[in-house]
C-alpha atoms as a PDB file:
ATOM      1  CA  MET A   1      37.606  19.991  18.634  1.00  0.00           C
ATOM      2  CA  ALA A   2      38.796  20.060  21.655  1.00  0.00           C
ATOM      3  CA  GLU A   3      37.408  21.452  24.531  1.00  0.00           C
ATOM      4  CA  LEU A   4      40.579  23.956  26.002  1.00  0.00           C
ATOM      5  CA  VAL A   5      41.364  23.385  29.796  1.00  0.00           C
ATOM      6  CA  GLN A   6      42.288  26.064  31.981  1.00  0.00           C
ATOM      7  CA  TYR A   7      41.388  27.918  35.244  1.00  0.00           C
ATOM      8  CA  TYR A   8      40.920  31.217  35.718  1.00  0.00           C
ATOM      9  CA  GLY A   9      41.758  33.548  38.603  1.00  0.00           C
ATOM     10  CA  THR A  10      42.016  37.227  39.182  1.00  0.00           C
ATOM     11  CA  GLY A  11      44.828  39.203  41.580  1.00  0.00           C
ATOM     12  CA  ARG A  12      44.694  42.404  43.002  1.00  0.00           C
ATOM     13  CA  ARG A  13      47.016  44.336  44.588  1.00  0.00           C
ATOM     14  CA  LYS A  14      46.670  48.932  45.039  1.00  0.00           C
ATOM     15  CA  SER A  15      45.882  49.610  41.262  1.00  0.00           C
ATOM     16  CA  ALA A  16      47.293  46.668  39.719  1.00  0.00           C
ATOM     17  CA  ILE A  17      44.859  43.733  38.097  1.00  0.00           C
ATOM     18  CA  ALA A  18      46.290  40.037  36.784  1.00  0.00           C
ATOM     19  CA  ARG A  19      43.265  37.684  35.383  1.00  0.00           C
ATOM     20  CA  VAL A  20      45.452  34.431  35.463  1.00  0.00           C
ATOM     21  CA  TYR A  21      44.644  31.131  33.301  1.00  0.00           C
ATOM     22  CA  LEU A  22      46.423  28.138  34.475  1.00  0.00           C
ATOM     23  CA  ARG A  23      46.466  25.146  31.178  1.00  0.00           C
ATOM     24  CA  PRO A  24      47.515  22.278  31.629  1.00  0.00           C
ATOM     25  CA  GLY A  25      51.310  21.762  30.082  1.00  0.00           C
ATOM     26  CA  SER A  26      55.529  21.767  30.838  1.00  0.00           C
ATOM     27  CA  GLY A  27      55.743  25.342  32.970  1.00  0.00           C
ATOM     28  CA  ASP A  28      55.905  28.198  30.455  1.00  0.00           C
ATOM     29  CA  PHE A  29      54.895  31.590  32.048  1.00  0.00           C
ATOM     30  CA  LYS A  30      53.745  34.362  30.238  1.00  0.00           C
ATOM     31  CA  ILE A  31      52.956  37.870  31.028  1.00  0.00           C
ATOM     32  CA  ASN A  32      51.389  39.866  28.773  1.00  0.00           C
ATOM     33  CA  GLY A  33      52.531  37.888  26.016  1.00  0.00           C
ATOM     34  CA  ARG A  34      56.176  38.633  27.241  1.00  0.00           C
ATOM     35  CA  ALA A  35      58.322  35.702  28.707  1.00  0.00           C
ATOM     36  CA  PHE A  36      58.271  35.561  31.989  1.00  0.00           C
ATOM     37  CA  GLU A  37      62.058  36.390  32.862  1.00  0.00           C
ATOM     38  CA  GLU A  38      61.833  39.378  30.544  1.00  0.00           C
ATOM     39  CA  TYR A  39      58.783  40.933  32.083  1.00  0.00           C
ATOM     40  CA  PHE A  40      60.174  40.216  36.187  1.00  0.00           C
ATOM     41  CA  VAL A  41      62.925  41.692  36.450  1.00  0.00           C
ATOM     42  CA  THR A  42      63.937  41.203  39.974  1.00  0.00           C
ATOM     43  CA  PRO A  43      64.596  38.141  42.417  1.00  0.00           C
ATOM     44  CA  ALA A  44      61.213  39.790  45.138  1.00  0.00           C
ATOM     45  CA  GLN A  45      59.466  40.207  42.223  1.00  0.00           C
ATOM     46  CA  ARG A  46      60.327  36.405  40.974  1.00  0.00           C
ATOM     47  CA  SER A  47      59.507  35.102  43.467  1.00  0.00           C
ATOM     48  CA  ALA A  48      56.460  37.085  44.919  1.00  0.00           C
ATOM     49  CA  ALA A  49      54.873  35.901  41.535  1.00  0.00           C
ATOM     50  CA  LYS A  50      55.601  32.111  41.536  1.00  0.00           C
ATOM     51  CA  ALA A  51      55.036  32.102  45.303  1.00  0.00           C
ATOM     52  CA  PRO A  52      51.694  29.829  44.947  1.00  0.00           C
ATOM     53  CA  LEU A  53      53.528  27.025  42.612  1.00  0.00           C
ATOM     54  CA  ALA A  54      55.988  26.924  44.482  1.00  0.00           C
ATOM     55  CA  SER A  55      54.240  26.664  47.595  1.00  0.00           C
ATOM     56  CA  THR A  56      51.839  23.564  45.556  1.00  0.00           C
ATOM     57  CA  GLU A  57      55.054  21.706  43.794  1.00  0.00           C
ATOM     58  CA  SER A  58      52.880  22.339  40.882  1.00  0.00           C
ATOM     59  CA  ALA A  59      55.588  24.621  38.481  1.00  0.00           C
ATOM     60  CA  SER A  60      56.449  22.101  35.743  1.00  0.00           C
ATOM     61  CA  GLN A  61      52.795  20.963  35.236  1.00  0.00           C
ATOM     62  CA  PHE A  62      50.701  23.294  34.046  1.00  0.00           C
ATOM     63  CA  ASN A  63      51.296  26.868  31.108  1.00  0.00           C
ATOM     64  CA  VAL A  64      50.747  29.919  32.828  1.00  0.00           C
ATOM     65  CA  VAL A  65      49.375  33.068  30.776  1.00  0.00           C
ATOM     66  CA  VAL A  66      48.736  36.550  32.755  1.00  0.00           C
ATOM     67  CA  THR A  67      47.236  39.719  31.403  1.00  0.00           C
ATOM     68  CA  ALA A  68      48.687  42.141  34.106  1.00  0.00           C
ATOM     69  CA  GLN A  69      47.509  46.302  33.815  1.00  0.00           C
ATOM     70  CA  GLY A  70      47.191  49.528  35.981  1.00  0.00           C
ATOM     71  CA  GLY A  71      49.834  49.866  39.308  1.00  0.00           C
ATOM     72  CA  GLY A  72      53.587  49.055  39.103  1.00  0.00           C
ATOM     73  CA  VAL A  73      56.015  46.300  38.337  1.00  0.00           C
ATOM     74  CA  ARG A  74      55.764  45.171  42.327  1.00  0.00           C
ATOM     75  CA  GLY A  75      52.477  45.407  42.428  1.00  0.00           C
ATOM     76  CA  GLN A  76      51.992  43.193  39.243  1.00  0.00           C
ATOM     77  CA  ALA A  77      53.298  40.300  40.700  1.00  0.00           C
ATOM     78  CA  ASP A  78      51.836  40.328  44.040  1.00  0.00           C
ATOM     79  CA  ALA A  79      48.647  40.170  41.261  1.00  0.00           C
ATOM     80  CA  VAL A  80      49.790  37.857  40.442  1.00  0.00           C
ATOM     81  CA  LYS A  81      50.423  36.126  43.556  1.00  0.00           C
ATOM     82  CA  LEU A  82      46.647  36.259  44.441  1.00  0.00           C
ATOM     83  CA  GLY A  83      45.368  35.131  40.945  1.00  0.00           C
ATOM     84  CA  LEU A  84      47.522  32.368  40.958  1.00  0.00           C
ATOM     85  CA  ALA A  85      46.403  30.639  44.179  1.00  0.00           C
ATOM     86  CA  ARG A  86      42.640  31.594  42.983  1.00  0.00           C
ATOM     87  CA  ALA A  87      42.956  29.415  40.233  1.00  0.00           C
ATOM     88  CA  LEU A  88      45.034  26.547  42.184  1.00  0.00           C
ATOM     89  CA  MET A  89      41.983  26.353  44.031  1.00  0.00           C
ATOM     90  CA  GLN A  90      39.833  26.505  40.898  1.00  0.00           C
ATOM     91  CA  PHE A  91      42.049  22.962  40.344  1.00  0.00           C
ATOM     92  CA  ASN A  92      42.112  21.590  43.000  1.00  0.00           C
ATOM     93  CA  ALA A  93      39.567  22.957  46.440  1.00  0.00           C
ATOM     94  CA  GLU A  94      42.088  21.093  48.950  1.00  0.00           C
ATOM     95  CA  LEU A  95      45.085  23.002  47.711  1.00  0.00           C
ATOM     96  CA  ARG A  96      43.848  25.783  49.810  1.00  0.00           C
ATOM     97  CA  LYS A  97      44.561  24.962  53.455  1.00  0.00           C
ATOM     98  CA  GLN A  98      49.128  24.855  52.383  1.00  0.00           C
ATOM     99  CA  LEU A  99      47.828  28.183  50.230  1.00  0.00           C
ATOM    100  CA  LYS A 100      46.026  30.152  53.709  1.00  0.00           C
ATOM    101  CA  SER A 101      48.828  29.086  55.697  1.00  0.00           C
ATOM    102  CA  ASP A 102      51.217  29.872  53.152  1.00  0.00           C
ATOM    103  CA  GLY A 103      49.443  33.746  53.622  1.00  0.00           C
ATOM    104  CA  MET A 104      48.465  33.473  49.711  1.00  0.00           C
ATOM    105  CA  VAL A 105      44.652  33.547  50.240  1.00  0.00           C
ATOM    106  CA  SER A 106      43.852  37.128  51.123  1.00  0.00           C
ATOM    107  CA  ARG A 107      43.657  40.129  49.550  1.00  0.00           C
ATOM    108  CA  ASP A 108      46.038  42.627  50.580  1.00  0.00           C
ATOM    109  CA  SER A 109      43.862  45.546  50.566  1.00  0.00           C
ATOM    110  CA  ARG A 110      46.066  48.643  51.633  1.00  0.00           C
ATOM    111  CA  GLY A 111      45.339  51.058  48.666  1.00  0.00           C
ATOM    112  CA  LYS A 112      47.569  55.265  48.620  1.00  0.00           C
ATOM    113  CA  GLU A 113      45.670  56.988  51.239  1.00  0.00           C
ATOM    114  CA  ARG A 114      44.504  60.369  49.815  1.00  0.00           C
ATOM    115  CA  LYS A 115      46.053  63.530  49.965  1.00  0.00           C
ATOM    116  CA  LYS A 116      44.435  65.741  52.290  1.00  0.00           C
ATOM    117  CA  TYR A 117      44.021  69.519  52.086  1.00  0.00           C
ATOM    118  CA  GLY A 118      45.669  72.331  54.134  1.00  0.00           C
ATOM    119  CA  GLN A 119      48.881  69.201  53.297  1.00  0.00           C
ATOM    120  CA  LYS A 120      51.816  68.825  50.983  1.00  0.00           C
ATOM    121  CA  GLY A 121      50.396  65.431  50.527  1.00  0.00           C
ATOM    122  CA  ALA A 122      48.498  62.578  52.128  1.00  0.00           C
ATOM    123  CA  ARG A 123      50.792  62.796  55.816  1.00  0.00           C
ATOM    124  CA  LYS A 124      53.336  65.440  54.751  1.00  0.00           C
ATOM    125  CA  ARG A 125      52.660  69.019  56.199  1.00  0.00           C
ATOM    126  CA  PHE A 126      54.064  72.689  54.710  1.00  0.00           C
ATOM    127  CA  GLN A 127      56.719  73.836  56.010  1.00  0.00           C
ATOM    128  CA  PHE A 128      55.717  75.579  59.641  1.00  0.00           C
ATOM    129  CA  SER A 129      57.106  79.646  59.704  1.00  0.00           C
ATOM    130  CA  LYS A 130      56.412  80.882  63.499  1.00  0.00           C
ATOM    131  CA  ARG A 131      57.922  84.444  62.046  1.00  0.00           C
END
């Protein structure tokens, strides 16, 4: 049996995690078994998720299979972006320079700020009453 050739990358953003598999193919893109356009509805989400393929001009060379979980759709789109960049670097290490200059190699470490006691939320306070 022929060995399956694939490249793997994990992307994370906030609480979203995306496992990205790159396989040589015609440019098919599936997320959780659904079509790319069906899963990512807004143009901002679509462009964020496909940014590494667009910057390296390799969108038609690979079939992309993604398993995304946690967080919201926007966070998952950014997680897919990082996962795709890591998978592309596994495919060809020379692409790292191009991806790094476009800012797709580093993980965005910003997360949700915790709620503090004596306050309504992380920053919002209860209404102050003078009298």
